[in-house]
C-alpha atoms as a PDB file:
ATOM      1  CA  MET A   1      -8.922  -3.984 -13.405  1.00  0.00           C
ATOM      2  CA  ARG A   2     -11.110  -1.420 -15.148  1.00  0.00           C
ATOM      3  CA  LYS A   3     -11.375  -1.245 -18.937  1.00  0.00           C
ATOM      4  CA  SER A   4      -9.456   1.533 -20.688  1.00  0.00           C
ATOM      5  CA  THR A   5      -8.488   2.737 -24.142  1.00  0.00           C
ATOM      6  CA  PRO A   6      -4.839   2.290 -25.187  1.00  0.00           C
ATOM      7  CA  ALA A   7      -4.142   5.945 -24.365  1.00  0.00           C
ATOM      8  CA  GLN A   8      -5.698   5.548 -20.927  1.00  0.00           C
ATOM      9  CA  TRP A   9      -3.689   2.371 -20.364  1.00  0.00           C
ATOM     10  CA  GLY A  10      -0.507   4.228 -21.224  1.00  0.00           C
ATOM     11  CA  LEU A  11      -1.398   7.057 -18.833  1.00  0.00           C
ATOM     12  CA  ARG A  12      -2.181   4.594 -16.040  1.00  0.00           C
ATOM     13  CA  VAL A  13       1.155   2.827 -16.542  1.00  0.00           C
ATOM     14  CA  LEU A  14       2.983   6.166 -16.391  1.00  0.00           C
ATOM     15  CA  VAL A  15       1.165   7.133 -13.188  1.00  0.00           C
ATOM     16  CA  TYR A  16       1.967   3.691 -11.737  1.00  0.00           C
ATOM     17  CA  ILE A  17       5.660   4.173 -12.524  1.00  0.00           C
ATOM     18  CA  LEU A  18       5.559   7.699 -11.084  1.00  0.00           C
ATOM     19  CA  GLY A  19       4.123   6.207  -7.907  1.00  0.00           C
ATOM     20  CA  LEU A  20       6.984   3.705  -7.769  1.00  0.00           C
ATOM     21  CA  PHE A  21       9.494   6.535  -8.155  1.00  0.00           C
ATOM     22  CA  CYS A  22       7.894   8.468  -5.277  1.00  0.00           C
ATOM     23  CA  LEU A  23       8.020   5.276  -3.231  1.00  0.00           C
ATOM     24  CA  ALA A  24      11.727   4.868  -4.027  1.00  0.00           C
ATOM     25  CA  VAL A  25      12.488   8.472  -3.043  1.00  0.00           C
ATOM     26  CA  GLY A  26      10.668   7.897   0.232  1.00  0.00           C
ATOM     27  CA  VAL A  27      12.761   4.791   0.882  1.00  0.00           C
ATOM     28  CA  ALA A  28      15.982   6.699   0.171  1.00  0.00           C
ATOM     29  CA  LEU A  29      14.928   9.497   2.535  1.00  0.00           C
ATOM     30  CA  SER A  30      14.217   7.045   5.352  1.00  0.00           C
ATOM     31  CA  VAL A  31      17.543   5.266   4.777  1.00  0.00           C
ATOM     32  CA  ASN A  32      19.454   8.557   5.055  1.00  0.00           C
ATOM     33  CA  ALA A  33      17.461   9.585   8.128  1.00  0.00           C
ATOM     34  CA  ASN A  34      18.689   6.376   9.797  1.00  0.00           C
ATOM     35  CA  LEU A  35      15.630   6.222  12.057  1.00  0.00           C
ATOM     36  CA  GLY A  36      13.959   3.191  10.540  1.00  0.00           C
ATOM     37  CA  ILE A  37      12.638   1.981   7.209  1.00  0.00           C
ATOM     38  CA  SER A  38       9.253   0.649   6.125  1.00  0.00           C
ATOM     39  CA  PRO A  39       8.633  -3.064   6.851  1.00  0.00           C
ATOM     40  CA  VAL A  40       8.229  -3.888   3.150  1.00  0.00           C
ATOM     41  CA  ASN A  41      11.677  -2.554   2.264  1.00  0.00           C
ATOM     42  CA  SER A  42      13.451  -3.423   5.500  1.00  0.00           C
ATOM     43  CA  LEU A  43      14.254  -6.987   4.396  1.00  0.00           C
ATOM     44  CA  PRO A  44      15.896  -5.962   1.080  1.00  0.00           C
ATOM     45  CA  TYR A  45      17.780  -3.201   2.925  1.00  0.00           C
ATOM     46  CA  VAL A  46      19.134  -5.544   5.616  1.00  0.00           C
ATOM     47  CA  VAL A  47      20.097  -8.202   3.065  1.00  0.00           C
ATOM     48  CA  SER A  48      21.897  -5.566   0.959  1.00  0.00           C
ATOM     49  CA  LYS A  49      23.871  -4.508   4.035  1.00  0.00           C
ATOM     50  CA  ILE A  50      24.774  -8.088   4.942  1.00  0.00           C
ATOM     51  CA  LEU A  51      25.792  -9.114   1.426  1.00  0.00           C
ATOM     52  CA  GLY A  52      27.286  -5.749   0.472  1.00  0.00           C
ATOM     53  CA  THR A  53      25.273  -5.650  -2.769  1.00  0.00           C
ATOM     54  CA  ALA A  54      23.148  -2.954  -4.362  1.00  0.00           C
ATOM     55  CA  MET A  55      19.704  -2.572  -2.838  1.00  0.00           C
ATOM     56  CA  SER A  56      18.145  -2.893  -6.295  1.00  0.00           C
ATOM     57  CA  THR A  57      19.499  -6.442  -6.592  1.00  0.00           C
ATOM     58  CA  CYS A  58      18.024  -7.395  -3.230  1.00  0.00           C
ATOM     59  CA  VAL A  59      14.677  -5.744  -4.003  1.00  0.00           C
ATOM     60  CA  ILE A  60      14.371  -7.602  -7.301  1.00  0.00           C
ATOM     61  CA  GLY A  61      15.461 -10.919  -5.770  1.00  0.00           C
ATOM     62  CA  ILE A  62      13.184 -10.778  -2.716  1.00  0.00           C
ATOM     63  CA  PHE A  63      10.193  -9.445  -4.647  1.00  0.00           C
ATOM     64  CA  SER A  64      10.684 -12.235  -7.210  1.00  0.00           C
ATOM     65  CA  PHE A  65      10.538 -14.706  -4.323  1.00  0.00           C
ATOM     66  CA  TYR A  66       7.227 -13.151  -3.260  1.00  0.00           C
ATOM     67  CA  ILE A  67       5.897 -13.702  -6.797  1.00  0.00           C
ATOM     68  CA  LEU A  68       7.049 -17.326  -6.696  1.00  0.00           C
ATOM     69  CA  LEU A  69       5.195 -17.799  -3.415  1.00  0.00           C
ATOM     70  CA  GLN A  70       2.051 -16.399  -5.042  1.00  0.00           C
ATOM     71  CA  ILE A  71       2.343 -18.978  -7.826  1.00  0.00           C
ATOM     72  CA  VAL A  72       2.817 -21.794  -5.289  1.00  0.00           C
ATOM     73  CA  ILE A  73      -0.153 -20.638  -3.195  1.00  0.00           C
ATOM     74  CA  LEU A  74      -2.602 -19.849  -6.007  1.00  0.00           C
ATOM     75  CA  ARG A  75      -1.468 -22.477  -8.550  1.00  0.00           C
ATOM     76  CA  LYS A  76      -3.955 -22.373 -11.453  1.00  0.00           C
ATOM     77  CA  GLU A  77      -5.658 -19.302 -10.000  1.00  0.00           C
ATOM     78  CA  PHE A  78      -2.527 -17.224 -10.550  1.00  0.00           C
ATOM     79  CA  LYS A  79      -3.183 -14.944 -13.522  1.00  0.00           C
ATOM     80  CA  PRO A  80      -0.398 -14.539 -16.126  1.00  0.00           C
ATOM     81  CA  ILE A  81      -0.923 -10.762 -16.085  1.00  0.00           C
ATOM     82  CA  HIS A  82       0.416 -10.741 -12.519  1.00  0.00           C
ATOM     83  CA  LEU A  83       3.826 -11.757 -13.842  1.00  0.00           C
ATOM     84  CA  THR A  84       4.153  -8.084 -14.762  1.00  0.00           C
ATOM     85  CA  GLN A  85       4.863  -7.624 -11.065  1.00  0.00           C
ATOM     86  CA  LEU A  86       8.388  -8.740 -11.926  1.00  0.00           C
ATOM     87  CA  ILE A  87       8.756  -5.892 -14.438  1.00  0.00           C
ATOM     88  CA  PHE A  88       7.536  -3.277 -11.986  1.00  0.00           C
ATOM     89  CA  SER A  89       9.673  -4.762  -9.197  1.00  0.00           C
ATOM     90  CA  THR A  90      12.737  -4.392 -11.402  1.00  0.00           C
ATOM     91  CA  ILE A  91      11.830  -0.789 -12.199  1.00  0.00           C
ATOM     92  CA  PHE A  92      11.276  -0.066  -8.518  1.00  0.00           C
ATOM     93  CA  GLY A  93      14.601  -1.654  -7.555  1.00  0.00           C
ATOM     94  CA  TYR A  94      16.550   0.550  -9.938  1.00  0.00           C
ATOM     95  CA  PHE A  95      14.502   3.570  -8.866  1.00  0.00           C
ATOM     96  CA  VAL A  96      15.691   2.959  -5.288  1.00  0.00           C
ATOM     97  CA  ASP A  97      19.335   2.937  -6.405  1.00  0.00           C
ATOM     98  CA  PHE A  98      18.760   6.065  -8.498  1.00  0.00           C
ATOM     99  CA  ALA A  99      17.058   7.877  -5.601  1.00  0.00           C
ATOM    100  CA  LYS A 100      19.904   6.930  -3.265  1.00  0.00           C
ATOM    101  CA  TRP A 101      22.391   8.237  -5.849  1.00  0.00           C
ATOM    102  CA  LEU A 102      20.438  11.518  -6.138  1.00  0.00           C
ATOM    103  CA  LEU A 103      20.352  12.077  -2.381  1.00  0.00           C
ATOM    104  CA  GLY A 104      23.861  10.773  -1.739  1.00  0.00           C
ATOM    105  CA  ASP A 105      24.677  11.095   1.970  1.00  0.00           C
ATOM    106  CA  PHE A 106      22.403  14.097   2.412  1.00  0.00           C
ATOM    107  CA  CYS A 107      20.903  14.305   5.892  1.00  0.00           C
ATOM    108  CA  LEU A 108      19.591  17.269   7.838  1.00  0.00           C
ATOM    109  CA  PRO A 109      21.709  18.009  10.924  1.00  0.00           C
ATOM    110  CA  GLY A 110      20.675  16.911  14.386  1.00  0.00           C
ATOM    111  CA  TYR A 111      18.032  14.524  15.624  1.00  0.00           C
ATOM    112  CA  GLY A 112      15.311  17.024  14.709  1.00  0.00           C
ATOM    113  CA  GLY A 113      16.566  17.148  11.132  1.00  0.00           C
ATOM    114  CA  ARG A 114      16.634  13.367  10.858  1.00  0.00           C
ATOM    115  CA  LEU A 115      13.134  13.186  12.301  1.00  0.00           C
ATOM    116  CA  GLY A 116      12.017  15.742   9.733  1.00  0.00           C
ATOM    117  CA  MET A 117      13.488  13.626   6.929  1.00  0.00           C
ATOM    118  CA  LEU A 118      11.673  10.580   8.276  1.00  0.00           C
ATOM    119  CA  CYS A 119       8.401  12.509   8.245  1.00  0.00           C
ATOM    120  CA  MET A 120       9.105  13.605   4.669  1.00  0.00           C
ATOM    121  CA  SER A 121       9.760   9.994   3.681  1.00  0.00           C
ATOM    122  CA  ILE A 122       6.421   8.911   5.179  1.00  0.00           C
ATOM    123  CA  VAL A 123       4.580  11.579   3.168  1.00  0.00           C
ATOM    124  CA  VAL A 124       6.406  10.756  -0.083  1.00  0.00           C
ATOM    125  CA  VAL A 125       5.829   7.012   0.384  1.00  0.00           C
ATOM    126  CA  ALA A 126       2.132   7.674   1.026  1.00  0.00           C
ATOM    127  CA  VAL A 127       1.872   9.724  -2.180  1.00  0.00           C
ATOM    128  CA  GLY A 128       3.595   6.954  -4.137  1.00  0.00           C
ATOM    129  CA  VAL A 129       1.301   4.263  -2.753  1.00  0.00           C
ATOM    130  CA  VAL A 130      -1.807   6.326  -3.547  1.00  0.00           C
ATOM    131  CA  LEU A 131      -0.606   6.928  -7.106  1.00  0.00           C
ATOM    132  CA  TYR A 132       0.127   3.333  -8.039  1.00  0.00           C
ATOM    133  CA  ILE A 133      -2.856   1.814  -6.222  1.00  0.00           C
ATOM    134  CA  ASP A 134      -5.282   4.280  -7.798  1.00  0.00           C
ATOM    135  CA  THR A 135      -4.320   3.063 -11.284  1.00  0.00           C
ATOM    136  CA  GLU A 136      -5.860  -0.361 -10.507  1.00  0.00           C
ATOM    137  CA  LEU A 137      -3.255  -2.211 -12.554  1.00  0.00           C
ATOM    138  CA  VAL A 138      -1.460  -4.996 -10.665  1.00  0.00           C
ATOM    139  CA  PRO A 139      -0.441  -5.161  -7.002  1.00  0.00           C
ATOM    140  CA  MET A 140       3.181  -5.045  -6.017  1.00  0.00           C
ATOM    141  CA  PRO A 141       4.556  -8.462  -4.962  1.00  0.00           C
ATOM    142  CA  MET A 142       4.178  -7.914  -1.205  1.00  0.00           C
ATOM    143  CA  GLU A 143       0.524  -6.935  -1.642  1.00  0.00           C
ATOM    144  CA  GLY A 144      -0.030  -9.746  -4.133  1.00  0.00           C
ATOM    145  CA  LEU A 145       1.322 -12.234  -1.597  1.00  0.00           C
ATOM    146  CA  ALA A 146      -0.964 -10.871   1.127  1.00  0.00           C
ATOM    147  CA  LEU A 147      -3.969 -11.122  -1.202  1.00  0.00           C
ATOM    148  CA  ALA A 148      -3.024 -14.679  -2.176  1.00  0.00           C
ATOM    149  CA  LEU A 149      -2.780 -15.728   1.466  1.00  0.00           C
ATOM    150  CA  ALA A 150      -6.091 -14.041   2.254  1.00  0.00           C
ATOM    151  CA  LYS A 151      -7.787 -15.746  -0.674  1.00  0.00           C
ATOM    152  CA  LYS A 152      -6.587 -19.234   0.258  1.00  0.00           C
ATOM    153  CA  SER A 153      -7.183 -18.819   3.978  1.00  0.00           C
ATOM    154  CA  GLY A 154     -10.698 -17.487   3.457  1.00  0.00           C
ATOM    155  CA  LYS A 155      -9.906 -14.301   5.346  1.00  0.00           C
ATOM    156  CA  PRO A 156     -11.504 -11.142   3.950  1.00  0.00           C
ATOM    157  CA  ALA A 157      -9.168  -8.748   2.193  1.00  0.00           C
ATOM    158  CA  GLN A 158      -9.689  -5.695   0.035  1.00  0.00           C
ATOM    159  CA  SER A 159      -8.894  -6.152  -3.623  1.00  0.00           C
ATOM    160  CA  HIS A 160      -6.186  -4.005  -5.159  1.00  0.00           C
ATOM    161  CA  GLY A 161      -7.531  -0.543  -5.929  1.00  0.00           C
ATOM    162  CA  SER A 162     -10.950  -1.208  -4.483  1.00  0.00           C
ATOM    163  CA  CYS A 163     -12.713   0.092  -1.430  1.00  0.00           C
ATOM    164  CA  ARG A 164     -15.695  -0.996   0.592  1.00  0.00           C
ATOM    165  CA  PRO A 165     -18.956   0.904  -0.068  1.00  0.00           C
ATOM    166  CA  ARG A 166     -19.672   3.453   2.608  1.00  0.00           C
ATOM    167  CA  GLY A 167     -21.883   2.271   5.430  1.00  0.00           C
ATOM    168  CA  SER A 168     -22.221  -1.205   3.936  1.00  0.00           C
ATOM    169  CA  SER A 169     -21.611  -3.551   6.850  1.00  0.00           C
ATOM    170  CA  ALA A 170     -21.380  -1.740  10.178  1.00  0.00           C
ATOM    171  CA  GLU A 171     -24.222   0.627   9.443  1.00  0.00           C
ATOM    172  CA  SER A 172     -26.500  -2.124   8.083  1.00  0.00           C
ATOM    173  CA  ALA A 173     -25.849  -4.345  11.071  1.00  0.00           C
ATOM    174  CA  PHE A 174     -26.525  -1.495  13.481  1.00  0.00           C
ATOM    175  CA  ARG A 175     -29.758  -0.571  11.721  1.00  0.00           C
ATOM    176  CA  ARG A 176     -30.979  -4.169  11.917  1.00  0.00           C
ATOM    177  CA  ARG A 177     -30.434  -4.078  15.665  1.00  0.00           C
ATOM    178  CA  THR A 178     -31.948  -0.606  16.141  1.00  0.00           C
ATOM    179  CA  PRO A 179     -34.793  -0.044  13.615  1.00  0.00           C
ATOM    180  CA  ALA A 180     -35.698   3.330  15.156  1.00  0.00           C
ATOM    181  CA  CYS A 181     -32.399   4.695  13.885  1.00  0.00           C
ATOM    182  CA  ARG A 182     -33.900   4.901  10.388  1.00  0.00           C
ATOM    183  CA  HIS A 183     -36.189   7.732  11.474  1.00  0.00           C
ATOM    184  CA  CYS A 184     -33.630   9.882  13.272  1.00  0.00           C
ATOM    185  CA  PRO A 185     -31.716  12.723  11.528  1.00  0.00           C
ATOM    186  CA  SER A 186     -28.651  11.814   9.465  1.00  0.00           C
ATOM    187  CA  ARG A 187     -26.200  13.308  11.988  1.00  0.00           C
ATOM    188  CA  GLU A 188     -27.722  11.176  14.776  1.00  0.00           C
ATOM    189  CA  ARG A 189     -27.539   8.094  12.542  1.00  0.00           C
ATOM    190  CA  LEU A 190     -23.820   8.643  12.004  1.00  0.00           C
ATOM    191  CA  SER A 191     -23.293   9.144  15.713  1.00  0.00           C
ATOM    192  CA  ALA A 192     -25.216   5.976  16.439  1.00  0.00           C
ATOM    193  CA  VAL A 193     -23.143   3.961  13.992  1.00  0.00           C
ATOM    194  CA  SER A 194     -19.927   5.394  15.419  1.00  0.00           C
ATOM    195  CA  PHE A 195     -20.601   5.139  19.127  1.00  0.00           C
ATOM    196  CA  GLY A 196     -23.290   2.458  19.517  1.00  0.00           C
ATOM    197  CA  ARG A 197     -26.352   2.579  21.673  1.00  0.00           C
ATOM    198  CA  ARG A 198     -25.030   5.301  23.978  1.00  0.00           C
ATOM    199  CA  ALA A 199     -24.931   7.776  21.094  1.00  0.00           C
ATOM    200  CA  HIS A 200     -28.470   6.738  20.088  1.00  0.00           C
ATOM    201  CA  ARG A 201     -29.888   7.381  23.587  1.00  0.00           C
ATOM    202  CA  GLN A 202     -32.948   9.628  23.418  1.00  0.00           C
ATOM    203  CA  PRO A 203     -32.959  13.004  25.277  1.00  0.00           C
ATOM    204  CA  GLY A 204     -34.153  12.798  28.832  1.00  0.00           C
ATOM    205  CA  ARG A 205     -33.347   9.077  29.250  1.00  0.00           C
END
C-alpha cells in the first residue's frame, strides 16, 4: 500500500466505499435481471435463497469464512491490517441489501430489457471494482483468498492494485530470441511481439 497523508487516507477510504456501493448496485441489478449473477456473489445469493435470510447476512458470513481461510493458509504471514476486510465486507453486505431495497422489484420488460439490465450491472460492477482496487488499500476477501493461495502454491499472481510493467516479460523474451528486432521501427517491434516471427518477416521473404 502506498504512503499517504491522513487526508489522502480518508479520501481513499471514501473512494473504496464508493466502489463497494457501485458493486452492490451492480449485484442488485443482476439479481433483478434474473439472467445470472457474478461468481463471487452467486454463493451468498444461493445460500440466502436456501435459508431465506437477508443477502447481507450471507455475504458477511461467507466473506468472513474466506478471511478465516486466509489466516489458516498464511498463518504468521497474515497481516493484521487485512482484518479490515471484515469491516468492508460488512459494509458491502448492507450495501447489497440497501441497493436491493432501492431497486425493489424493478425490471425492464421483456427479455431485451432484462438483457439490458444485465449489461448495466456488468458496467456498474466494473466501475466499482476499478474504484476500490485503484485505492490500493486492502483486497476484498475473495481476492485476498486467491492471493493467499497463489502465494503458498508459488503460482504468480498480481498484487492488489498493482500492474505489470509494460513490455516486461513477453517483449524481453522475444527480443532475446530475435536481436534484430531492436533495430526495426517501434510499430514493427509491437507487431513482432504480438504476432511472433511471422509479423517480423522482412519484405520480400
